[in-house]
PDB file of N, CA and C in Angstrom:
ATOM      1  N   MET A   1      -1.218  -9.493 -19.291  1.00  0.00           N
ATOM      2  CA  MET A   1      -2.385  -8.791 -18.804  1.00  0.00           C
ATOM      3  C   MET A   1      -2.926  -9.451 -17.531  1.00  0.00           C
ATOM      4  N   GLY A   2      -2.914 -10.780 -17.514  1.00  0.00           N
ATOM      5  CA  GLY A   2      -3.407 -11.482 -16.327  1.00  0.00           C
ATOM      6  C   GLY A   2      -2.566 -11.205 -15.098  1.00  0.00           C
ATOM      7  N   THR A   3      -1.242 -11.189 -15.280  1.00  0.00           N
ATOM      8  CA  THR A   3      -0.342 -10.907 -14.161  1.00  0.00           C
ATOM      9  C   THR A   3      -0.522  -9.486 -13.662  1.00  0.00           C
ATOM     10  N   LEU A   4      -0.692  -8.552 -14.567  1.00  0.00           N
ATOM     11  CA  LEU A   4      -0.920  -7.149 -14.193  1.00  0.00           C
ATOM     12  C   LEU A   4      -2.221  -7.020 -13.405  1.00  0.00           C
ATOM     13  N   LEU A   5      -3.275  -7.665 -13.866  1.00  0.00           N
ATOM     14  CA  LEU A   5      -4.547  -7.612 -13.152  1.00  0.00           C
ATOM     15  C   LEU A   5      -4.426  -8.236 -11.770  1.00  0.00           C
ATOM     16  N   ARG A   6      -3.736  -9.366 -11.677  1.00  0.00           N
ATOM     17  CA  ARG A   6      -3.530  -9.997 -10.364  1.00  0.00           C
ATOM     18  C   ARG A   6      -2.763  -9.069  -9.441  1.00  0.00           C
ATOM     19  N   ASP A   7      -1.728  -8.426  -9.951  1.00  0.00           N
ATOM     20  CA  ASP A   7      -0.939  -7.506  -9.145  1.00  0.00           C
ATOM     21  C   ASP A   7      -1.799  -6.355  -8.627  1.00  0.00           C
ATOM     22  N   LEU A   8      -2.657  -5.824  -9.467  1.00  0.00           N
ATOM     23  CA  LEU A   8      -3.539  -4.739  -9.044  1.00  0.00           C
ATOM     24  C   LEU A   8      -4.519  -5.203  -7.965  1.00  0.00           C
ATOM     25  N   VAL A   9      -5.061  -6.401  -8.134  1.00  0.00           N
ATOM     26  CA  VAL A   9      -5.996  -6.926  -7.141  1.00  0.00           C
ATOM     27  C   VAL A   9      -5.288  -7.201  -5.821  1.00  0.00           C
ATOM     28  N   LEU A  10      -4.059  -7.699  -5.881  1.00  0.00           N
ATOM     29  CA  LEU A  10      -3.318  -8.013  -4.655  1.00  0.00           C
ATOM     30  C   LEU A  10      -2.939  -6.767  -3.860  1.00  0.00           C
ATOM     31  N   ARG A  11      -3.025  -5.620  -4.478  1.00  0.00           N
ATOM     32  CA  ARG A  11      -2.734  -4.379  -3.761  1.00  0.00           C
ATOM     33  C   ARG A  11      -3.869  -3.953  -2.838  1.00  0.00           C
ATOM     34  N   ILE A  12      -5.008  -4.653  -2.939  1.00  0.00           N
ATOM     35  CA  ILE A  12      -6.129  -4.371  -2.042  1.00  0.00           C
ATOM     36  C   ILE A  12      -5.698  -4.706  -0.622  1.00  0.00           C
ATOM     37  N   ASP A  13      -5.948  -3.799   0.280  1.00  0.00           N
ATOM     38  CA  ASP A  13      -5.588  -4.038   1.676  1.00  0.00           C
ATOM     39  C   ASP A  13      -6.649  -4.937   2.298  1.00  0.00           C
ATOM     40  N   SER A  14      -6.314  -6.187   2.457  1.00  0.00           N
ATOM     41  CA  SER A  14      -7.279  -7.166   2.951  1.00  0.00           C
ATOM     42  C   SER A  14      -7.262  -7.307   4.467  1.00  0.00           C
ATOM     43  N   THR A  15      -6.403  -6.576   5.143  1.00  0.00           N
ATOM     44  CA  THR A  15      -6.289  -6.760   6.590  1.00  0.00           C
ATOM     45  C   THR A  15      -7.557  -6.370   7.330  1.00  0.00           C
ATOM     46  N   HIS A  16      -8.329  -5.470   6.779  1.00  0.00           N
ATOM     47  CA  HIS A  16      -9.526  -5.014   7.477  1.00  0.00           C
ATOM     48  C   HIS A  16     -10.600  -6.090   7.552  1.00  0.00           C
ATOM     49  N   TRP A  17     -10.893  -6.715   6.417  1.00  0.00           N
ATOM     50  CA  TRP A  17     -12.019  -7.643   6.400  1.00  0.00           C
ATOM     51  C   TRP A  17     -11.709  -9.004   6.987  1.00  0.00           C
ATOM     52  N   PHE A  18     -10.484  -9.509   6.843  1.00  0.00           N
ATOM     53  CA  PHE A  18     -10.260 -10.838   7.409  1.00  0.00           C
ATOM     54  C   PHE A  18      -9.571 -10.783   8.749  1.00  0.00           C
ATOM     55  N   GLY A  19      -8.999  -9.641   9.098  1.00  0.00           N
ATOM     56  CA  GLY A  19      -8.366  -9.499  10.410  1.00  0.00           C
ATOM     57  C   GLY A  19      -9.353  -9.676  11.536  1.00  0.00           C
ATOM     58  N   GLN A  20     -10.561  -9.213  11.318  1.00  0.00           N
ATOM     59  CA  GLN A  20     -11.601  -9.370  12.337  1.00  0.00           C
ATOM     60  C   GLN A  20     -12.084 -10.814  12.422  1.00  0.00           C
ATOM     61  N   LEU A  21     -12.010 -11.541  11.317  1.00  0.00           N
ATOM     62  CA  LEU A  21     -12.472 -12.932  11.312  1.00  0.00           C
ATOM     63  C   LEU A  21     -11.452 -13.895  11.901  1.00  0.00           C
ATOM     64  N   VAL A  22     -10.181 -13.733  11.523  1.00  0.00           N
ATOM     65  CA  VAL A  22      -9.164 -14.716  11.916  1.00  0.00           C
ATOM     66  C   VAL A  22      -8.163 -14.175  12.922  1.00  0.00           C
ATOM     67  N   GLY A  23      -8.230 -12.899  13.211  1.00  0.00           N
ATOM     68  CA  GLY A  23      -7.274 -12.298  14.136  1.00  0.00           C
ATOM     69  C   GLY A  23      -6.034 -11.809  13.416  1.00  0.00           C
ATOM     70  N   THR A  24      -5.133 -11.239  14.160  1.00  0.00           N
ATOM     71  CA  THR A  24      -3.916 -10.690  13.558  1.00  0.00           C
ATOM     72  C   THR A  24      -2.677 -11.485  13.920  1.00  0.00           C
ATOM     73  N   SER A  25      -2.840 -12.564  14.663  1.00  0.00           N
ATOM     74  CA  SER A  25      -1.705 -13.437  14.958  1.00  0.00           C
ATOM     75  C   SER A  25      -2.133 -14.872  14.709  1.00  0.00           C
ATOM     76  N   GLY A  26      -1.178 -15.750  14.647  1.00  0.00           N
ATOM     77  CA  GLY A  26      -1.476 -17.154  14.379  1.00  0.00           C
ATOM     78  C   GLY A  26      -1.382 -17.465  12.900  1.00  0.00           C
ATOM     79  N   TRP A  27      -1.556 -18.738  12.584  1.00  0.00           N
ATOM     80  CA  TRP A  27      -1.350 -19.193  11.214  1.00  0.00           C
ATOM     81  C   TRP A  27      -2.369 -18.614  10.237  1.00  0.00           C
ATOM     82  N   ALA A  28      -3.619 -18.441  10.631  1.00  0.00           N
ATOM     83  CA  ALA A  28      -4.649 -17.953   9.709  1.00  0.00           C
ATOM     84  C   ALA A  28      -4.376 -16.522   9.255  1.00  0.00           C
ATOM     85  N   SER A  29      -3.656 -15.766  10.061  1.00  0.00           N
ATOM     86  CA  SER A  29      -3.329 -14.389   9.668  1.00  0.00           C
ATOM     87  C   SER A  29      -2.257 -14.357   8.578  1.00  0.00           C
ATOM     88  N   ARG A  30      -1.583 -15.476   8.354  1.00  0.00           N
ATOM     89  CA  ARG A  30      -0.531 -15.547   7.339  1.00  0.00           C
ATOM     90  C   ARG A  30      -1.027 -16.070   5.985  1.00  0.00           C
ATOM     91  N   VAL A  31      -2.261 -16.518   5.936  1.00  0.00           N
ATOM     92  CA  VAL A  31      -2.824 -17.030   4.683  1.00  0.00           C
ATOM     93  C   VAL A  31      -3.082 -15.844   3.742  1.00  0.00           C
ATOM     94  N   PRO A  32      -2.609 -15.924   2.494  1.00  0.00           N
ATOM     95  CA  PRO A  32      -2.870 -14.847   1.529  1.00  0.00           C
ATOM     96  C   PRO A  32      -4.290 -14.967   0.960  1.00  0.00           C
ATOM     97  N   TRP A  33      -5.265 -14.468   1.711  1.00  0.00           N
ATOM     98  CA  TRP A  33      -6.676 -14.645   1.370  1.00  0.00           C
ATOM     99  C   TRP A  33      -7.033 -14.061   0.005  1.00  0.00           C
ATOM    100  N   ILE A  34      -6.538 -12.881  -0.294  1.00  0.00           N
ATOM    101  CA  ILE A  34      -6.857 -12.251  -1.580  1.00  0.00           C
ATOM    102  C   ILE A  34      -6.333 -13.116  -2.734  1.00  0.00           C
ATOM    103  N   LEU A  35      -5.122 -13.642  -2.596  1.00  0.00           N
ATOM    104  CA  LEU A  35      -4.563 -14.505  -3.636  1.00  0.00           C
ATOM    105  C   LEU A  35      -5.404 -15.772  -3.801  1.00  0.00           C
ATOM    106  N   GLY A  36      -5.896 -16.308  -2.716  1.00  0.00           N
ATOM    107  CA  GLY A  36      -6.769 -17.472  -2.803  1.00  0.00           C
ATOM    108  C   GLY A  36      -8.035 -17.166  -3.584  1.00  0.00           C
ATOM    109  N   ILE A  37      -8.598 -16.007  -3.351  1.00  0.00           N
ATOM    110  CA  ILE A  37      -9.803 -15.598  -4.075  1.00  0.00           C
ATOM    111  C   ILE A  37      -9.486 -15.385  -5.554  1.00  0.00           C
ATOM    112  N   VAL A  38      -8.355 -14.740  -5.839  1.00  0.00           N
ATOM    113  CA  VAL A  38      -7.932 -14.534  -7.230  1.00  0.00           C
ATOM    114  C   VAL A  38      -7.800 -15.881  -7.936  1.00  0.00           C
ATOM    115  N   ASN A  39      -7.175 -16.844  -7.291  1.00  0.00           N
ATOM    116  CA  ASN A  39      -7.002 -18.165  -7.894  1.00  0.00           C
ATOM    117  C   ASN A  39      -8.342 -18.829  -8.181  1.00  0.00           C
ATOM    118  N   LEU A  40      -9.270 -18.717  -7.261  1.00  0.00           N
ATOM    119  CA  LEU A  40     -10.575 -19.342  -7.470  1.00  0.00           C
ATOM    120  C   LEU A  40     -11.341 -18.672  -8.608  1.00  0.00           C
ATOM    121  N   VAL A  41     -11.273 -17.367  -8.688  1.00  0.00           N
ATOM    122  CA  VAL A  41     -11.929 -16.648  -9.795  1.00  0.00           C
ATOM    123  C   VAL A  41     -11.301 -17.069 -11.125  1.00  0.00           C
ATOM    124  N   GLY A  42      -9.984 -17.148 -11.172  1.00  0.00           N
ATOM    125  CA  GLY A  42      -9.288 -17.554 -12.389  1.00  0.00           C
ATOM    126  C   GLY A  42      -9.632 -18.967 -12.816  1.00  0.00           C
ATOM    127  N   VAL A  43      -9.672 -19.876 -11.861  1.00  0.00           N
ATOM    128  CA  VAL A  43     -10.011 -21.268 -12.169  1.00  0.00           C
ATOM    129  C   VAL A  43     -11.440 -21.360 -12.693  1.00  0.00           C
ATOM    130  N   TYR A  44     -12.354 -20.639 -12.055  1.00  0.00           N
ATOM    131  CA  TYR A  44     -13.752 -20.676 -12.496  1.00  0.00           C
ATOM    132  C   TYR A  44     -13.874 -20.217 -13.951  1.00  0.00           C
ATOM    133  N   PHE A  45     -13.325 -19.061 -14.267  1.00  0.00           N
ATOM    134  CA  PHE A  45     -13.476 -18.531 -15.615  1.00  0.00           C
ATOM    135  C   PHE A  45     -12.681 -19.320 -16.657  1.00  0.00           C
ATOM    136  N   ALA A  46     -11.552 -19.897 -16.272  1.00  0.00           N
ATOM    137  CA  ALA A  46     -10.785 -20.725 -17.211  1.00  0.00           C
ATOM    138  C   ALA A  46     -11.558 -21.991 -17.567  1.00  0.00           C
ATOM    139  N   THR A  47     -12.125 -22.668 -16.563  1.00  0.00           N
ATOM    140  CA  THR A  47     -12.893 -23.870 -16.859  1.00  0.00           C
ATOM    141  C   THR A  47     -14.191 -23.535 -17.577  1.00  0.00           C
ATOM    142  N   PHE A  48     -14.784 -22.403 -17.241  1.00  0.00           N
ATOM    143  CA  PHE A  48     -15.983 -21.949 -17.935  1.00  0.00           C
ATOM    144  C   PHE A  48     -15.677 -21.744 -19.418  1.00  0.00           C
ATOM    145  N   ALA A  49     -14.544 -21.098 -19.709  1.00  0.00           N
ATOM    146  CA  ALA A  49     -14.160 -20.854 -21.111  1.00  0.00           C
ATOM    147  C   ALA A  49     -13.804 -22.155 -21.829  1.00  0.00           C
ATOM    148  N   LEU A  50     -13.123 -23.060 -21.138  1.00  0.00           N
ATOM    149  CA  LEU A  50     -12.743 -24.325 -21.770  1.00  0.00           C
ATOM    150  C   LEU A  50     -13.947 -25.212 -22.044  1.00  0.00           C
ATOM    151  N   LYS A  51     -14.944 -25.128 -21.215  1.00  0.00           N
ATOM    152  CA  LYS A  51     -16.145 -25.940 -21.423  1.00  0.00           C
ATOM    153  C   LYS A  51     -17.101 -25.261 -22.402  1.00  0.00           C
ATOM    154  N   GLY A  52     -17.019 -23.948 -22.502  1.00  0.00           N
ATOM    155  CA  GLY A  52     -17.940 -23.190 -23.349  1.00  0.00           C
ATOM    156  C   GLY A  52     -17.328 -22.765 -24.667  1.00  0.00           C
ATOM    157  N   PRO A  53     -16.954 -21.488 -24.778  1.00  0.00           N
ATOM    158  CA  PRO A  53     -16.541 -20.958 -26.084  1.00  0.00           C
ATOM    159  C   PRO A  53     -15.266 -21.581 -26.654  1.00  0.00           C
ATOM    160  N   LEU A  54     -14.423 -22.152 -25.830  1.00  0.00           N
ATOM    161  CA  LEU A  54     -13.167 -22.715 -26.341  1.00  0.00           C
ATOM    162  C   LEU A  54     -13.170 -24.240 -26.417  1.00  0.00           C
ATOM    163  N   VAL A  55     -14.322 -24.858 -26.204  1.00  0.00           N
ATOM    164  CA  VAL A  55     -14.394 -26.313 -26.120  1.00  0.00           C
ATOM    165  C   VAL A  55     -13.983 -27.003 -27.421  1.00  0.00           C
ATOM    166  N   ARG A  56     -14.304 -26.437 -28.551  1.00  0.00           N
ATOM    167  CA  ARG A  56     -14.007 -27.085 -29.823  1.00  0.00           C
ATOM    168  C   ARG A  56     -12.652 -26.685 -30.407  1.00  0.00           C
ATOM    169  N   HIS A  57     -11.937 -25.831 -29.721  1.00  0.00           N
ATOM    170  CA  HIS A  57     -10.634 -25.384 -30.218  1.00  0.00           C
ATOM    171  C   HIS A  57      -9.564 -26.438 -29.946  1.00  0.00           C
ATOM    172  N   ASP A  58      -8.660 -26.571 -30.862  1.00  0.00           N
ATOM    173  CA  ASP A  58      -7.498 -27.438 -30.708  1.00  0.00           C
ATOM    174  C   ASP A  58      -6.670 -26.924 -29.523  1.00  0.00           C
ATOM    175  N   PRO A  59      -6.102 -27.808 -28.688  1.00  0.00           N
ATOM    176  CA  PRO A  59      -5.290 -27.357 -27.557  1.00  0.00           C
ATOM    177  C   PRO A  59      -4.140 -26.425 -27.960  1.00  0.00           C
ATOM    178  N   ASN A  60      -3.691 -26.499 -29.204  1.00  0.00           N
ATOM    179  CA  ASN A  60      -2.617 -25.627 -29.669  1.00  0.00           C
ATOM    180  C   ASN A  60      -3.130 -24.390 -30.397  1.00  0.00           C
ATOM    181  N   ASN A  61      -4.435 -24.176 -30.388  1.00  0.00           N
ATOM    182  CA  ASN A  61      -5.037 -23.009 -31.020  1.00  0.00           C
ATOM    183  C   ASN A  61      -4.531 -21.742 -30.327  1.00  0.00           C
ATOM    184  N   LEU A  62      -4.167 -20.741 -31.105  1.00  0.00           N
ATOM    185  CA  LEU A  62      -3.584 -19.507 -30.557  1.00  0.00           C
ATOM    186  C   LEU A  62      -4.534 -18.818 -29.582  1.00  0.00           C
ATOM    187  N   THR A  63      -5.812 -18.755 -29.900  1.00  0.00           N
ATOM    188  CA  THR A  63      -6.777 -18.102 -29.000  1.00  0.00           C
ATOM    189  C   THR A  63      -6.824 -18.820 -27.659  1.00  0.00           C
ATOM    190  N   ARG A  64      -6.896 -20.132 -27.713  1.00  0.00           N
ATOM    191  CA  ARG A  64      -6.945 -20.922 -26.484  1.00  0.00           C
ATOM    192  C   ARG A  64      -5.663 -20.747 -25.670  1.00  0.00           C
ATOM    193  N   LEU A  65      -4.530 -20.748 -26.331  1.00  0.00           N
ATOM    194  CA  LEU A  65      -3.258 -20.560 -25.623  1.00  0.00           C
ATOM    195  C   LEU A  65      -3.162 -19.176 -24.983  1.00  0.00           C
ATOM    196  N   VAL A  66      -3.594 -18.153 -25.715  1.00  0.00           N
ATOM    197  CA  VAL A  66      -3.521 -16.789 -25.180  1.00  0.00           C
ATOM    198  C   VAL A  66      -4.466 -16.616 -23.991  1.00  0.00           C
ATOM    199  N   VAL A  67      -5.691 -17.120 -24.129  1.00  0.00           N
ATOM    200  CA  VAL A  67      -6.687 -16.927 -23.074  1.00  0.00           C
ATOM    201  C   VAL A  67      -6.376 -17.778 -21.846  1.00  0.00           C
ATOM    202  N   ILE A  68      -6.202 -19.069 -22.055  1.00  0.00           N
ATOM    203  CA  ILE A  68      -6.047 -19.972 -20.911  1.00  0.00           C
ATOM    204  C   ILE A  68      -4.628 -19.931 -20.348  1.00  0.00           C
ATOM    205  N   THR A  69      -3.653 -20.259 -21.174  1.00  0.00           N
ATOM    206  CA  THR A  69      -2.274 -20.307 -20.682  1.00  0.00           C
ATOM    207  C   THR A  69      -1.735 -18.913 -20.397  1.00  0.00           C
ATOM    208  N   GLY A  70      -2.028 -17.977 -21.279  1.00  0.00           N
ATOM    209  CA  GLY A  70      -1.514 -16.623 -21.115  1.00  0.00           C
ATOM    210  C   GLY A  70      -2.227 -15.834 -20.039  1.00  0.00           C
ATOM    211  N   PHE A  71      -3.491 -15.476 -20.301  1.00  0.00           N
ATOM    212  CA  PHE A  71      -4.205 -14.602 -19.365  1.00  0.00           C
ATOM    213  C   PHE A  71      -4.465 -15.282 -18.023  1.00  0.00           C
ATOM    214  N   PHE A  72      -5.164 -16.435 -18.044  1.00  0.00           N
ATOM    215  CA  PHE A  72      -5.513 -17.074 -16.773  1.00  0.00           C
ATOM    216  C   PHE A  72      -4.305 -17.699 -16.082  1.00  0.00           C
ATOM    217  N   GLY A  73      -3.314 -18.131 -16.857  1.00  0.00           N
ATOM    218  CA  GLY A  73      -2.074 -18.619 -16.251  1.00  0.00           C
ATOM    219  C   GLY A  73      -1.328 -17.515 -15.535  1.00  0.00           C
ATOM    220  N   GLY A  74      -1.380 -16.313 -16.083  1.00  0.00           N
ATOM    221  CA  GLY A  74      -0.760 -15.162 -15.425  1.00  0.00           C
ATOM    222  C   GLY A  74      -1.591 -14.626 -14.277  1.00  0.00           C
ATOM    223  N   PHE A  75      -2.907 -14.716 -14.415  1.00  0.00           N
ATOM    224  CA  PHE A  75      -3.809 -14.186 -13.384  1.00  0.00           C
ATOM    225  C   PHE A  75      -3.740 -15.022 -12.112  1.00  0.00           C
ATOM    226  N   THR A  76      -3.755 -16.342 -12.261  1.00  0.00           N
ATOM    227  CA  THR A  76      -3.696 -17.213 -11.088  1.00  0.00           C
ATOM    228  C   THR A  76      -2.246 -17.447 -10.687  1.00  0.00           C
ATOM    229  N   SER A  77      -2.048 -17.793  -9.438  1.00  0.00           N
ATOM    230  CA  SER A  77      -0.698 -18.082  -8.972  1.00  0.00           C
ATOM    231  C   SER A  77      -0.758 -19.031  -7.785  1.00  0.00           C
ATOM    232  N   TYR A  78      -0.964 -20.298  -8.086  1.00  0.00           N
ATOM    233  CA  TYR A  78      -0.949 -21.286  -7.017  1.00  0.00           C
ATOM    234  C   TYR A  78       0.456 -21.446  -6.445  1.00  0.00           C
ATOM    235  N   SER A  79       1.471 -21.184  -7.254  1.00  0.00           N
ATOM    236  CA  SER A  79       2.836 -21.291  -6.731  1.00  0.00           C
ATOM    237  C   SER A  79       3.081 -20.264  -5.633  1.00  0.00           C
ATOM    238  N   SER A  80       2.593 -19.048  -5.799  1.00  0.00           N
ATOM    239  CA  SER A  80       2.739 -18.031  -4.750  1.00  0.00           C
ATOM    240  C   SER A  80       1.982 -18.429  -3.496  1.00  0.00           C
ATOM    241  N   LEU A  81       0.821 -19.026  -3.691  1.00  0.00           N
ATOM    242  CA  LEU A  81       0.040 -19.480  -2.546  1.00  0.00           C
ATOM    243  C   LEU A  81       0.812 -20.542  -1.770  1.00  0.00           C
ATOM    244  N   TYR A  82       1.434 -21.462  -2.487  1.00  0.00           N
ATOM    245  CA  TYR A  82       2.167 -22.520  -1.801  1.00  0.00           C
ATOM    246  C   TYR A  82       3.493 -22.050  -1.214  1.00  0.00           C
ATOM    247  N   VAL A  83       4.058 -20.987  -1.738  1.00  0.00           N
ATOM    248  CA  VAL A  83       5.241 -20.404  -1.106  1.00  0.00           C
ATOM    249  C   VAL A  83       4.855 -19.866   0.272  1.00  0.00           C
ATOM    250  N   SER A  84       3.655 -19.314   0.378  1.00  0.00           N
ATOM    251  CA  SER A  84       3.168 -18.804   1.659  1.00  0.00           C
ATOM    252  C   SER A  84       3.010 -19.910   2.693  1.00  0.00           C
ATOM    253  N   LEU A  85       2.866 -21.134   2.230  1.00  0.00           N
ATOM    254  CA  LEU A  85       2.740 -22.245   3.171  1.00  0.00           C
ATOM    255  C   LEU A  85       3.971 -22.375   4.069  1.00  0.00           C
ATOM    256  N   GLY A  86       5.122 -21.931   3.578  1.00  0.00           N
ATOM    257  CA  GLY A  86       6.338 -21.985   4.400  1.00  0.00           C
ATOM    258  C   GLY A  86       6.202 -21.168   5.671  1.00  0.00           C
ATOM    259  N   SER A  87       5.675 -19.952   5.553  1.00  0.00           N
ATOM    260  CA  SER A  87       5.516 -19.118   6.748  1.00  0.00           C
ATOM    261  C   SER A  87       4.397 -19.648   7.642  1.00  0.00           C
ATOM    262  N   ILE A  88       3.393 -20.264   7.048  1.00  0.00           N
ATOM    263  CA  ILE A  88       2.324 -20.861   7.863  1.00  0.00           C
ATOM    264  C   ILE A  88       2.857 -22.096   8.581  1.00  0.00           C
ATOM    265  N   TRP A  89       3.667 -22.891   7.884  1.00  0.00           N
ATOM    266  CA  TRP A  89       4.238 -24.125   8.436  1.00  0.00           C
ATOM    267  C   TRP A  89       5.041 -23.848   9.707  1.00  0.00           C
ATOM    268  N   HIS A  90       5.765 -22.724   9.721  1.00  0.00           N
ATOM    269  CA  HIS A  90       6.591 -22.401  10.887  1.00  0.00           C
ATOM    270  C   HIS A  90       5.762 -21.999  12.101  1.00  0.00           C
ATOM    271  N   VAL A  91       4.516 -21.640  11.876  1.00  0.00           N
ATOM    272  CA  VAL A  91       3.630 -21.272  12.972  1.00  0.00           C
ATOM    273  C   VAL A  91       2.754 -22.449  13.383  1.00  0.00           C
ATOM    274  N   SER A  92       2.256 -23.197  12.375  1.00  0.00           N
ATOM    275  CA  SER A  92       1.349 -24.309  12.650  1.00  0.00           C
ATOM    276  C   SER A  92       1.370 -25.298  11.486  1.00  0.00           C
ATOM    277  N   VAL A  93       1.897 -26.474  11.744  1.00  0.00           N
ATOM    278  CA  VAL A  93       1.921 -27.520  10.714  1.00  0.00           C
ATOM    279  C   VAL A  93       0.493 -27.926  10.325  1.00  0.00           C
ATOM    280  N   PRO A  94      -0.403 -28.161  11.289  1.00  0.00           N
ATOM    281  CA  PRO A  94      -1.780 -28.478  10.890  1.00  0.00           C
ATOM    282  C   PRO A  94      -2.438 -27.334  10.098  1.00  0.00           C
ATOM    283  N   GLY A  95      -2.125 -26.101  10.448  1.00  0.00           N
ATOM    284  CA  GLY A  95      -2.665 -24.955   9.712  1.00  0.00           C
ATOM    285  C   GLY A  95      -2.181 -24.929   8.275  1.00  0.00           C
ATOM    286  N   ALA A  96      -0.913 -25.269   8.059  1.00  0.00           N
ATOM    287  CA  ALA A  96      -0.363 -25.308   6.696  1.00  0.00           C
ATOM    288  C   ALA A  96      -1.004 -26.430   5.891  1.00  0.00           C
ATOM    289  N   ILE A  97      -1.174 -27.579   6.515  1.00  0.00           N
ATOM    290  CA  ILE A  97      -1.810 -28.702   5.826  1.00  0.00           C
ATOM    291  C   ILE A  97      -3.263 -28.366   5.500  1.00  0.00           C
ATOM    292  N   PHE A  98      -3.958 -27.763   6.441  1.00  0.00           N
ATOM    293  CA  PHE A  98      -5.340 -27.361   6.210  1.00  0.00           C
ATOM    294  C   PHE A  98      -5.437 -26.344   5.070  1.00  0.00           C
ATOM    295  N   THR A  99      -4.532 -25.376   5.039  1.00  0.00           N
ATOM    296  CA  THR A  99      -4.531 -24.362   3.981  1.00  0.00           C
ATOM    297  C   THR A  99      -4.289 -25.004   2.622  1.00  0.00           C
ATOM    298  N   ALA A 100      -3.333 -25.923   2.545  1.00  0.00           N
ATOM    299  CA  ALA A 100      -3.043 -26.607   1.277  1.00  0.00           C
ATOM    300  C   ALA A 100      -4.248 -27.419   0.815  1.00  0.00           C
ATOM    301  N   LEU A 101      -4.848 -28.170   1.717  1.00  0.00           N
ATOM    302  CA  LEU A 101      -6.023 -28.970   1.357  1.00  0.00           C
ATOM    303  C   LEU A 101      -7.199 -28.087   0.951  1.00  0.00           C
ATOM    304  N   LEU A 102      -7.389 -26.994   1.666  1.00  0.00           N
ATOM    305  CA  LEU A 102      -8.469 -26.071   1.330  1.00  0.00           C
ATOM    306  C   LEU A 102      -8.263 -25.465  -0.055  1.00  0.00           C
ATOM    307  N   ALA A 103      -7.025 -25.105  -0.386  1.00  0.00           N
ATOM    308  CA  ALA A 103      -6.735 -24.529  -1.707  1.00  0.00           C
ATOM    309  C   ALA A 103      -7.003 -25.542  -2.815  1.00  0.00           C
ATOM    310  N   ILE A 104      -6.597 -26.779  -2.597  1.00  0.00           N
ATOM    311  CA  ILE A 104      -6.797 -27.818  -3.616  1.00  0.00           C
ATOM    312  C   ILE A 104      -8.278 -28.151  -3.776  1.00  0.00           C
ATOM    313  N   LEU A 105      -8.951 -28.412  -2.667  1.00  0.00           N
ATOM    314  CA  LEU A 105     -10.359 -28.815  -2.735  1.00  0.00           C
ATOM    315  C   LEU A 105     -11.257 -27.689  -3.242  1.00  0.00           C
ATOM    316  N   SER A 106     -10.989 -26.462  -2.828  1.00  0.00           N
ATOM    317  CA  SER A 106     -11.808 -25.345  -3.316  1.00  0.00           C
ATOM    318  C   SER A 106     -11.551 -25.101  -4.798  1.00  0.00           C
ATOM    319  N   GLY A 107     -10.321 -25.302  -5.249  1.00  0.00           N
ATOM    320  CA  GLY A 107     -10.017 -25.169  -6.676  1.00  0.00           C
ATOM    321  C   GLY A 107     -10.754 -26.194  -7.512  1.00  0.00           C
ATOM    322  N   VAL A 108     -10.794 -27.428  -7.039  1.00  0.00           N
ATOM    323  CA  VAL A 108     -11.521 -28.485  -7.737  1.00  0.00           C
ATOM    324  C   VAL A 108     -13.019 -28.178  -7.744  1.00  0.00           C
ATOM    325  N   ALA A 109     -13.541 -27.718  -6.617  1.00  0.00           N
ATOM    326  CA  ALA A 109     -14.972 -27.400  -6.532  1.00  0.00           C
ATOM    327  C   ALA A 109     -15.338 -26.251  -7.471  1.00  0.00           C
ATOM    328  N   VAL A 110     -14.515 -25.235  -7.520  1.00  0.00           N
ATOM    329  CA  VAL A 110     -14.797 -24.083  -8.383  1.00  0.00           C
ATOM    330  C   VAL A 110     -14.655 -24.481  -9.856  1.00  0.00           C
ATOM    331  N   ALA A 111     -13.705 -25.343 -10.172  1.00  0.00           N
ATOM    332  CA  ALA A 111     -13.579 -25.840 -11.552  1.00  0.00           C
ATOM    333  C   ALA A 111     -14.832 -26.616 -11.940  1.00  0.00           C
ATOM    334  N   TRP A 112     -15.338 -27.422 -11.042  1.00  0.00           N
ATOM    335  CA  TRP A 112     -16.561 -28.165 -11.296  1.00  0.00           C
ATOM    336  C   TRP A 112     -17.729 -27.200 -11.538  1.00  0.00           C
ATOM    337  N   LEU A 113     -17.806 -26.139 -10.726  1.00  0.00           N
ATOM    338  CA  LEU A 113     -18.859 -25.132 -10.928  1.00  0.00           C
ATOM    339  C   LEU A 113     -18.722 -24.439 -12.282  1.00  0.00           C
ATOM    340  N   GLY A 114     -17.496 -24.160 -12.692  1.00  0.00           N
ATOM    341  CA  GLY A 114     -17.266 -23.539 -13.982  1.00  0.00           C
ATOM    342  C   GLY A 114     -17.754 -24.416 -15.130  1.00  0.00           C
ATOM    343  N   VAL A 115     -17.483 -25.682 -15.029  1.00  0.00           N
ATOM    344  CA  VAL A 115     -17.930 -26.643 -16.050  1.00  0.00           C
ATOM    345  C   VAL A 115     -19.456 -26.742 -16.032  1.00  0.00           C
ATOM    346  N   ARG A 116     -20.023 -26.843 -14.852  1.00  0.00           N
ATOM    347  CA  ARG A 116     -21.478 -26.985 -14.717  1.00  0.00           C
ATOM    348  C   ARG A 116     -22.212 -25.717 -15.147  1.00  0.00           C
ATOM    349  N   SER A 117     -21.620 -24.568 -14.963  1.00  0.00           N
ATOM    350  CA  SER A 117     -22.265 -23.301 -15.337  1.00  0.00           C
ATOM    351  C   SER A 117     -22.541 -23.235 -16.823  1.00  0.00           C
ATOM    352  N   TRP A 118     -21.642 -23.748 -17.620  1.00  0.00           N
ATOM    353  CA  TRP A 118     -21.829 -23.692 -19.074  1.00  0.00           C
ATOM    354  C   TRP A 118     -22.840 -24.735 -19.525  1.00  0.00           C
ATOM    355  N   SER A 119     -22.953 -25.818 -18.794  1.00  0.00           N
ATOM    356  CA  SER A 119     -23.825 -26.924 -19.185  1.00  0.00           C
ATOM    357  C   SER A 119     -25.305 -26.559 -19.078  1.00  0.00           C
ATOM    358  N   ARG A 120     -25.634 -25.568 -18.272  1.00  0.00           N
ATOM    359  CA  ARG A 120     -27.041 -25.227 -18.047  1.00  0.00           C
ATOM    360  C   ARG A 120     -27.613 -24.408 -19.120  1.00  0.00           C
TER     361      ARG A 120
END
């Protein structure tokens, strides 16, 4: 279900909204922005669930495995994001490094927000 939802979201034509911001050529035009947003949404809700309703569940609990590993594992795709780094790398090595660092740091920040959201 998570993979299907991600596929449906990725069909959104994102060229209109970010093309004006980053242009249509250069390394920034090769970044899969929608996939980055999907990953951040998935990370937020996965950490929110792990800190909240699934916090007391055993790591091998079927519900936890289905929700976190199954749904959110299918919904997010950091591997696809990093495959895109190859095409960015051929245009701009600093751009590829910046994209990788941005993906990692934003993922950590959103995970922290997910944990903090349940704590309040």
